[in-house]
Amino acid sequence: MATQDEQGGRHRLDVAVRWGHCDPAGIVYYPVYYDFFHQAMETWFDRVLGVPYRSVIETRRIGFPSVHTEADYHAPSTYGDRLCVMLAVSAMGRTSLTFALSIEGPDGGLRVSGRKTVVAMDLDPASPTFRRAIPIPDDVRGRIEAFGIAPAAPA
């Protein structure tokens, strides 16, 4: 559900940890967090930018594949936890977006922090730029600028 935070340049996605998210040790298997990062990006397009991600891919034939992802794991999550994924745009280039992401547990404690960079890609097989980076469309760029870009603090 969209929240007031989204007006301040942060998008929130609540996710429930399901049995299938966990490894045999009973904790969330680390690559699942990358899926949560992607879910946050998709819902950000839909709920915040007002540009349904499905239409971006299927109608406009533009993808936003990851070209870099990273995560630091601070505490484990387990089956039944309700997690809060927070997304902010930390940089926007001509063709790329970088997101700062964090995942908090039900107690508000940091579970995972990460970064994800995506590039706008032409998905039209008839185009001479098929599967190459293309500029972020102007209408999408304008909506991202209105959402806000918050440069990440130095590590």
N, C-alpha and C. Protein backbone atom coordinates (compact mmCIF):
# COMPACT_ATOMS: atom_id res chain seq x y z
N MET A 1 0.84 -1.18 0.00
CA MET A 1 0.00 0.00 0.00
C MET A 1 0.88 1.24 0.00
N ALA A 2 0.56 2.21 -0.81
CA ALA A 2 1.31 3.46 -0.86
C ALA A 2 1.15 4.19 0.46
N THR A 3 2.18 4.89 0.85
CA THR A 3 2.15 5.60 2.12
C THR A 3 2.56 7.05 1.92
N GLN A 4 2.42 7.83 2.97
CA GLN A 4 2.80 9.24 2.94
C GLN A 4 4.30 9.39 2.66
N ASP A 5 5.12 8.42 3.06
CA ASP A 5 6.56 8.49 2.80
C ASP A 5 6.85 8.72 1.33
N GLU A 6 5.96 8.24 0.46
CA GLU A 6 6.22 8.31 -0.96
C GLU A 6 6.26 9.74 -1.46
N GLN A 7 5.65 10.65 -0.77
CA GLN A 7 5.73 12.05 -1.15
C GLN A 7 7.12 12.60 -0.85
N GLY A 8 7.84 12.00 0.06
CA GLY A 8 9.16 12.46 0.45
C GLY A 8 10.29 11.69 -0.20
N GLY A 9 10.02 11.02 -1.31
CA GLY A 9 11.08 10.34 -2.03
C GLY A 9 11.39 8.95 -1.53
N ARG A 10 10.46 8.33 -0.81
CA ARG A 10 10.66 6.95 -0.36
C ARG A 10 9.39 6.16 -0.64
N HIS A 11 9.57 4.99 -1.19
CA HIS A 11 8.44 4.09 -1.46
C HIS A 11 8.53 2.90 -0.51
N ARG A 12 7.40 2.54 0.05
CA ARG A 12 7.33 1.44 1.01
C ARG A 12 6.53 0.29 0.42
N LEU A 13 7.08 -0.91 0.58
CA LEU A 13 6.37 -2.13 0.20
C LEU A 13 6.44 -3.08 1.37
N ASP A 14 5.29 -3.53 1.85
CA ASP A 14 5.23 -4.52 2.93
C ASP A 14 5.16 -5.90 2.30
N VAL A 15 5.97 -6.81 2.79
CA VAL A 15 5.96 -8.19 2.30
C VAL A 15 5.92 -9.15 3.48
N ALA A 16 5.27 -10.27 3.25
CA ALA A 16 5.21 -11.32 4.26
C ALA A 16 6.20 -12.41 3.87
N VAL A 17 6.97 -12.88 4.83
CA VAL A 17 7.89 -13.98 4.57
C VAL A 17 7.07 -15.27 4.54
N ARG A 18 7.14 -15.96 3.42
CA ARG A 18 6.44 -17.22 3.22
C ARG A 18 7.40 -18.39 3.44
N TRP A 19 6.83 -19.57 3.64
CA TRP A 19 7.63 -20.78 3.85
C TRP A 19 8.64 -20.98 2.72
N GLY A 20 8.19 -20.76 1.49
CA GLY A 20 9.05 -20.96 0.33
C GLY A 20 10.20 -19.97 0.21
N HIS A 21 10.17 -18.90 0.99
CA HIS A 21 11.27 -17.93 1.00
C HIS A 21 12.45 -18.40 1.85
N CYS A 22 12.23 -19.45 2.64
CA CYS A 22 13.22 -19.85 3.64
C CYS A 22 14.06 -21.04 3.18
N ASP A 23 15.28 -21.09 3.69
CA ASP A 23 16.18 -22.20 3.42
C ASP A 23 16.01 -23.27 4.49
N PRO A 24 16.73 -24.38 4.41
CA PRO A 24 16.57 -25.44 5.42
C PRO A 24 16.88 -25.00 6.85
N ALA A 25 17.63 -23.90 7.00
CA ALA A 25 17.91 -23.40 8.35
C ALA A 25 16.74 -22.61 8.92
N GLY A 26 15.69 -22.38 8.11
CA GLY A 26 14.51 -21.68 8.59
C GLY A 26 14.59 -20.17 8.49
N ILE A 27 15.61 -19.65 7.76
CA ILE A 27 15.72 -18.21 7.58
C ILE A 27 15.57 -17.87 6.10
N VAL A 28 15.25 -16.61 5.82
CA VAL A 28 15.08 -16.20 4.42
C VAL A 28 16.39 -16.45 3.68
N TYR A 29 16.26 -17.18 2.58
CA TYR A 29 17.39 -17.49 1.71
C TYR A 29 17.83 -16.19 1.04
N TYR A 30 19.11 -15.87 1.11
CA TYR A 30 19.58 -14.54 0.75
C TYR A 30 19.14 -14.03 -0.63
N PRO A 31 19.06 -14.86 -1.71
CA PRO A 31 18.64 -14.26 -2.98
C PRO A 31 17.19 -13.80 -3.00
N VAL A 32 16.39 -14.25 -2.06
CA VAL A 32 14.99 -13.81 -1.99
C VAL A 32 14.93 -12.31 -1.75
N TYR A 33 15.90 -11.77 -1.03
CA TYR A 33 15.91 -10.33 -0.79
C TYR A 33 16.04 -9.55 -2.10
N TYR A 34 16.77 -10.10 -3.08
CA TYR A 34 16.87 -9.44 -4.38
C TYR A 34 15.51 -9.42 -5.08
N ASP A 35 14.72 -10.47 -4.89
CA ASP A 35 13.35 -10.48 -5.42
C ASP A 35 12.53 -9.40 -4.72
N PHE A 36 12.66 -9.26 -3.41
CA PHE A 36 11.95 -8.20 -2.70
C PHE A 36 12.36 -6.82 -3.21
N PHE A 37 13.66 -6.64 -3.51
CA PHE A 37 14.12 -5.37 -4.08
C PHE A 37 13.40 -5.10 -5.41
N HIS A 38 13.31 -6.15 -6.24
CA HIS A 38 12.66 -5.97 -7.54
C HIS A 38 11.16 -5.70 -7.38
N GLN A 39 10.52 -6.40 -6.46
CA GLN A 39 9.09 -6.15 -6.21
C GLN A 39 8.87 -4.69 -5.81
N ALA A 40 9.77 -4.15 -5.00
CA ALA A 40 9.65 -2.74 -4.60
C ALA A 40 9.74 -1.82 -5.81
N MET A 41 10.66 -2.14 -6.73
CA MET A 41 10.80 -1.32 -7.93
C MET A 41 9.53 -1.40 -8.79
N GLU A 42 9.00 -2.60 -8.99
CA GLU A 42 7.79 -2.76 -9.80
C GLU A 42 6.61 -1.99 -9.19
N THR A 43 6.42 -2.12 -7.88
CA THR A 43 5.28 -1.44 -7.26
C THR A 43 5.50 0.07 -7.24
N TRP A 44 6.75 0.51 -7.21
CA TRP A 44 7.07 1.94 -7.29
C TRP A 44 6.62 2.50 -8.64
N PHE A 45 6.90 1.78 -9.73
CA PHE A 45 6.41 2.21 -11.05
C PHE A 45 4.89 2.32 -11.03
N ASP A 46 4.23 1.27 -10.52
CA ASP A 46 2.77 1.20 -10.55
C ASP A 46 2.13 2.25 -9.64
N ARG A 47 2.49 2.24 -8.37
CA ARG A 47 1.79 3.04 -7.35
C ARG A 47 2.26 4.48 -7.26
N VAL A 48 3.53 4.69 -7.48
CA VAL A 48 4.08 6.03 -7.26
C VAL A 48 4.22 6.82 -8.56
N LEU A 49 4.85 6.21 -9.55
CA LEU A 49 5.04 6.92 -10.81
C LEU A 49 3.75 6.95 -11.64
N GLY A 50 2.83 6.02 -11.36
CA GLY A 50 1.60 5.96 -12.14
C GLY A 50 1.84 5.44 -13.54
N VAL A 51 2.93 4.68 -13.71
CA VAL A 51 3.30 4.09 -14.99
C VAL A 51 3.36 2.59 -14.76
N PRO A 52 2.28 1.86 -15.03
CA PRO A 52 2.29 0.42 -14.74
C PRO A 52 3.48 -0.30 -15.37
N TYR A 53 4.22 -1.01 -14.55
CA TYR A 53 5.44 -1.68 -15.02
C TYR A 53 5.11 -2.65 -16.15
N ARG A 54 3.99 -3.33 -16.05
CA ARG A 54 3.61 -4.26 -17.11
C ARG A 54 3.45 -3.54 -18.44
N SER A 55 2.85 -2.35 -18.44
CA SER A 55 2.69 -1.61 -19.70
C SER A 55 4.02 -1.07 -20.22
N VAL A 56 4.94 -0.76 -19.31
CA VAL A 56 6.26 -0.33 -19.74
C VAL A 56 6.92 -1.44 -20.55
N ILE A 57 6.81 -2.66 -20.05
CA ILE A 57 7.44 -3.80 -20.73
C ILE A 57 6.65 -4.23 -21.97
N GLU A 58 5.34 -4.46 -21.80
CA GLU A 58 4.57 -5.05 -22.88
C GLU A 58 4.12 -4.06 -23.95
N THR A 59 3.78 -2.84 -23.57
CA THR A 59 3.28 -1.87 -24.54
C THR A 59 4.40 -0.96 -25.06
N ARG A 60 5.16 -0.41 -24.13
CA ARG A 60 6.23 0.51 -24.54
C ARG A 60 7.50 -0.23 -24.94
N ARG A 61 7.57 -1.49 -24.55
CA ARG A 61 8.71 -2.36 -24.88
C ARG A 61 10.03 -1.79 -24.38
N ILE A 62 9.99 -1.40 -23.10
CA ILE A 62 11.18 -0.91 -22.40
C ILE A 62 11.33 -1.74 -21.14
N GLY A 63 12.51 -2.27 -20.95
CA GLY A 63 12.80 -3.00 -19.73
C GLY A 63 13.74 -2.21 -18.85
N PHE A 64 13.84 -2.60 -17.60
CA PHE A 64 14.76 -1.99 -16.65
C PHE A 64 15.52 -3.10 -15.93
N PRO A 65 16.38 -3.83 -16.67
CA PRO A 65 17.12 -4.92 -16.04
C PRO A 65 18.19 -4.40 -15.09
N SER A 66 18.48 -5.21 -14.10
CA SER A 66 19.55 -4.87 -13.16
C SER A 66 20.90 -5.06 -13.83
N VAL A 67 21.78 -4.10 -13.61
CA VAL A 67 23.16 -4.23 -14.08
C VAL A 67 24.13 -4.31 -12.91
N HIS A 68 23.62 -3.98 -11.71
CA HIS A 68 24.42 -4.12 -10.48
C HIS A 68 23.46 -4.24 -9.31
N THR A 69 23.74 -5.19 -8.45
CA THR A 69 22.99 -5.29 -7.19
C THR A 69 23.98 -5.66 -6.10
N GLU A 70 23.68 -5.19 -4.91
CA GLU A 70 24.49 -5.55 -3.76
C GLU A 70 23.62 -5.48 -2.51
N ALA A 71 24.01 -6.27 -1.52
CA ALA A 71 23.25 -6.28 -0.28
C ALA A 71 24.16 -6.60 0.89
N ASP A 72 23.84 -6.02 2.02
CA ASP A 72 24.48 -6.35 3.30
C ASP A 72 23.39 -6.88 4.20
N TYR A 73 23.69 -7.98 4.87
CA TYR A 73 22.72 -8.66 5.71
C TYR A 73 23.04 -8.38 7.17
N HIS A 74 22.08 -7.80 7.87
CA HIS A 74 22.30 -7.35 9.23
C HIS A 74 21.68 -8.27 10.28
N ALA A 75 20.56 -8.89 9.95
CA ALA A 75 19.88 -9.79 10.89
C ALA A 75 18.98 -10.71 10.07
N PRO A 76 18.77 -11.94 10.53
CA PRO A 76 17.94 -12.88 9.77
C PRO A 76 16.45 -12.57 9.89
N SER A 77 15.73 -13.01 8.87
CA SER A 77 14.27 -12.96 8.87
C SER A 77 13.78 -14.40 8.79
N THR A 78 12.61 -14.65 9.36
CA THR A 78 12.09 -16.01 9.41
C THR A 78 10.64 -16.06 8.93
N TYR A 79 10.19 -17.27 8.69
CA TYR A 79 8.83 -17.53 8.23
C TYR A 79 7.83 -16.79 9.13
N GLY A 80 6.91 -16.08 8.48
CA GLY A 80 5.88 -15.35 9.21
C GLY A 80 6.21 -13.89 9.48
N ASP A 81 7.47 -13.49 9.35
CA ASP A 81 7.82 -12.08 9.56
C ASP A 81 7.12 -11.21 8.53
N ARG A 82 6.72 -10.02 8.96
CA ARG A 82 6.22 -8.98 8.05
C ARG A 82 7.36 -7.98 7.90
N LEU A 83 7.85 -7.85 6.67
CA LEU A 83 8.98 -6.98 6.41
C LEU A 83 8.54 -5.73 5.68
N CYS A 84 9.29 -4.68 5.87
CA CYS A 84 9.05 -3.40 5.21
C CYS A 84 10.24 -3.11 4.30
N VAL A 85 9.99 -3.08 3.00
CA VAL A 85 11.03 -2.76 2.03
C VAL A 85 10.89 -1.29 1.68
N MET A 86 11.97 -0.54 1.84
CA MET A 86 11.96 0.89 1.51
C MET A 86 12.87 1.13 0.31
N LEU A 87 12.38 1.90 -0.65
CA LEU A 87 13.11 2.22 -1.87
C LEU A 87 13.22 3.72 -2.01
N ALA A 88 14.41 4.19 -2.34
CA ALA A 88 14.64 5.60 -2.68
C ALA A 88 15.53 5.63 -3.92
N VAL A 89 15.37 6.65 -4.73
CA VAL A 89 16.24 6.82 -5.90
C VAL A 89 17.45 7.61 -5.43
N SER A 90 18.64 7.02 -5.57
CA SER A 90 19.85 7.71 -5.13
C SER A 90 20.60 8.36 -6.28
N ALA A 91 20.32 7.96 -7.52
CA ALA A 91 20.97 8.59 -8.67
C ALA A 91 20.17 8.28 -9.93
N MET A 92 20.18 9.23 -10.87
CA MET A 92 19.56 9.01 -12.17
C MET A 92 20.50 9.55 -13.22
N GLY A 93 20.86 8.70 -14.16
CA GLY A 93 21.67 9.10 -15.30
C GLY A 93 20.81 9.20 -16.54
N ARG A 94 21.43 9.28 -17.68
CA ARG A 94 20.69 9.36 -18.94
C ARG A 94 19.91 8.09 -19.20
N THR A 95 20.54 6.92 -18.91
CA THR A 95 19.90 5.63 -19.17
C THR A 95 19.69 4.80 -17.90
N SER A 96 20.24 5.24 -16.78
CA SER A 96 20.24 4.39 -15.59
C SER A 96 19.59 5.04 -14.38
N LEU A 97 19.18 4.15 -13.47
CA LEU A 97 18.65 4.55 -12.16
C LEU A 97 19.36 3.71 -11.11
N THR A 98 19.71 4.34 -10.00
CA THR A 98 20.24 3.60 -8.87
C THR A 98 19.31 3.81 -7.69
N PHE A 99 18.96 2.69 -7.07
CA PHE A 99 18.06 2.69 -5.92
C PHE A 99 18.83 2.34 -4.66
N ALA A 100 18.52 3.03 -3.59
CA ALA A 100 18.98 2.64 -2.25
C ALA A 100 17.80 1.90 -1.63
N LEU A 101 18.07 0.72 -1.08
CA LEU A 101 17.00 -0.11 -0.53
C LEU A 101 17.34 -0.55 0.88
N SER A 102 16.31 -0.70 1.68
CA SER A 102 16.50 -1.25 3.02
C SER A 102 15.28 -2.11 3.35
N ILE A 103 15.51 -3.10 4.17
CA ILE A 103 14.43 -3.97 4.61
C ILE A 103 14.48 -4.02 6.13
N GLU A 104 13.35 -3.70 6.74
CA GLU A 104 13.24 -3.71 8.20
C GLU A 104 12.31 -4.84 8.63
N GLY A 105 12.59 -5.37 9.81
CA GLY A 105 11.74 -6.40 10.39
C GLY A 105 10.56 -5.80 11.11
N PRO A 106 9.70 -6.65 11.67
CA PRO A 106 8.51 -6.15 12.37
C PRO A 106 8.84 -5.30 13.59
N ASP A 107 10.06 -5.45 14.12
CA ASP A 107 10.49 -4.65 15.27
C ASP A 107 11.13 -3.33 14.85
N GLY A 108 11.19 -3.08 13.52
CA GLY A 108 11.81 -1.86 13.00
C GLY A 108 13.32 -1.98 12.83
N GLY A 109 13.88 -3.11 13.22
CA GLY A 109 15.32 -3.31 13.08
C GLY A 109 15.72 -3.60 11.64
N LEU A 110 16.89 -3.11 11.26
CA LEU A 110 17.39 -3.29 9.90
C LEU A 110 17.78 -4.75 9.68
N ARG A 111 17.21 -5.34 8.65
CA ARG A 111 17.55 -6.72 8.28
C ARG A 111 18.53 -6.75 7.11
N VAL A 112 18.26 -5.91 6.09
CA VAL A 112 19.09 -5.90 4.88
C VAL A 112 19.16 -4.47 4.37
N SER A 113 20.32 -4.08 3.88
CA SER A 113 20.46 -2.82 3.15
C SER A 113 21.11 -3.14 1.82
N GLY A 114 20.77 -2.38 0.80
CA GLY A 114 21.32 -2.71 -0.49
C GLY A 114 21.21 -1.59 -1.49
N ARG A 115 21.71 -1.90 -2.66
CA ARG A 115 21.71 -0.96 -3.77
C ARG A 115 21.46 -1.75 -5.04
N LYS A 116 20.74 -1.13 -5.96
CA LYS A 116 20.39 -1.78 -7.22
C LYS A 116 20.46 -0.71 -8.31
N THR A 117 21.19 -1.01 -9.39
CA THR A 117 21.23 -0.12 -10.54
C THR A 117 20.59 -0.83 -11.71
N VAL A 118 19.67 -0.13 -12.38
CA VAL A 118 18.99 -0.66 -13.55
C VAL A 118 19.26 0.28 -14.73
N VAL A 119 19.12 -0.27 -15.93
CA VAL A 119 19.30 0.51 -17.14
C VAL A 119 18.08 0.34 -18.02
N ALA A 120 17.59 1.44 -18.58
CA ALA A 120 16.49 1.36 -19.54
C ALA A 120 16.99 0.64 -20.78
N MET A 121 16.24 -0.40 -21.20
CA MET A 121 16.65 -1.22 -22.33
C MET A 121 15.53 -1.33 -23.35
N ASP A 122 15.87 -1.21 -24.62
CA ASP A 122 14.92 -1.37 -25.71
C ASP A 122 14.57 -2.85 -25.84
N LEU A 123 13.28 -3.18 -25.71
CA LEU A 123 12.83 -4.57 -25.83
C LEU A 123 12.13 -4.86 -27.16
N ASP A 124 12.17 -3.92 -28.09
CA ASP A 124 11.51 -4.12 -29.39
C ASP A 124 12.46 -4.81 -30.35
N PRO A 125 12.16 -6.08 -30.71
CA PRO A 125 13.08 -6.80 -31.61
C PRO A 125 13.21 -6.17 -32.99
N ALA A 126 12.26 -5.32 -33.38
CA ALA A 126 12.34 -4.67 -34.69
C ALA A 126 13.18 -3.39 -34.66
N SER A 127 13.60 -2.99 -33.48
CA SER A 127 14.34 -1.74 -33.34
C SER A 127 15.84 -1.96 -33.54
N PRO A 128 16.53 -0.98 -34.12
CA PRO A 128 17.99 -1.10 -34.27
C PRO A 128 18.73 -1.06 -32.92
N THR A 129 18.04 -0.61 -31.87
CA THR A 129 18.67 -0.56 -30.54
C THR A 129 18.18 -1.69 -29.64
N PHE A 130 17.62 -2.75 -30.23
CA PHE A 130 17.10 -3.89 -29.46
C PHE A 130 18.14 -4.41 -28.49
N ARG A 131 17.70 -4.54 -27.23
CA ARG A 131 18.52 -5.03 -26.12
C ARG A 131 19.76 -4.18 -25.85
N ARG A 132 19.63 -2.91 -26.15
CA ARG A 132 20.68 -1.95 -25.81
C ARG A 132 20.09 -0.88 -24.90
N ALA A 133 20.97 -0.22 -24.20
CA ALA A 133 20.54 0.87 -23.32
C ALA A 133 19.96 2.01 -24.15
N ILE A 134 18.89 2.60 -23.62
CA ILE A 134 18.25 3.75 -24.25
C ILE A 134 17.98 4.80 -23.17
N PRO A 135 17.80 6.05 -23.56
CA PRO A 135 17.49 7.07 -22.56
C PRO A 135 16.18 6.76 -21.83
N ILE A 136 16.15 7.09 -20.56
CA ILE A 136 14.91 6.97 -19.79
C ILE A 136 13.90 7.90 -20.44
N PRO A 137 12.70 7.42 -20.77
CA PRO A 137 11.71 8.29 -21.43
C PRO A 137 11.44 9.55 -20.62
N ASP A 138 11.24 10.65 -21.33
CA ASP A 138 11.05 11.95 -20.69
C ASP A 138 9.91 11.97 -19.68
N ASP A 139 8.78 11.31 -20.00
CA ASP A 139 7.65 11.33 -19.08
C ASP A 139 7.99 10.58 -17.79
N VAL A 140 8.72 9.48 -17.92
CA VAL A 140 9.13 8.71 -16.75
C VAL A 140 10.16 9.51 -15.95
N ARG A 141 11.11 10.12 -16.65
CA ARG A 141 12.13 10.95 -15.99
C ARG A 141 11.47 12.06 -15.18
N GLY A 142 10.47 12.71 -15.74
CA GLY A 142 9.78 13.79 -15.03
C GLY A 142 9.10 13.30 -13.77
N ARG A 143 8.50 12.13 -13.84
CA ARG A 143 7.83 11.57 -12.66
C ARG A 143 8.84 11.17 -11.59
N ILE A 144 10.00 10.67 -12.03
CA ILE A 144 11.05 10.32 -11.07
C ILE A 144 11.58 11.58 -10.39
N GLU A 145 11.80 12.62 -11.17
CA GLU A 145 12.27 13.88 -10.58
C GLU A 145 11.26 14.44 -9.58
N ALA A 146 9.97 14.31 -9.89
CA ALA A 146 8.93 14.77 -8.96
C ALA A 146 8.93 13.93 -7.69
N PHE A 147 9.21 12.64 -7.81
CA PHE A 147 9.28 11.74 -6.65
C PHE A 147 10.44 12.16 -5.75
N GLY A 148 11.56 12.46 -6.37
CA GLY A 148 12.73 12.92 -5.62
C GLY A 148 13.92 11.99 -5.75
N ILE A 149 15.07 12.60 -5.83
CA ILE A 149 16.34 11.87 -5.89
C ILE A 149 17.14 12.27 -4.66
N ALA A 150 17.47 11.29 -3.86
CA ALA A 150 18.19 11.52 -2.60
C ALA A 150 19.54 10.82 -2.69
N PRO A 151 20.60 11.55 -3.07
CA PRO A 151 21.90 10.89 -3.17
C PRO A 151 22.25 10.12 -1.92
N ALA A 152 22.80 8.93 -2.13
CA ALA A 152 23.17 8.07 -1.01
C ALA A 152 24.32 8.68 -0.23
N ALA A 153 24.30 8.48 1.06
CA ALA A 153 25.40 8.96 1.89
C ALA A 153 26.63 8.12 1.61
N PRO A 154 27.83 8.72 1.70
CA PRO A 154 29.04 7.95 1.45
C PRO A 154 29.17 6.81 2.46
N ALA A 155 29.71 5.71 1.98
CA ALA A 155 29.86 4.53 2.84
C ALA A 155 31.01 4.70 3.82
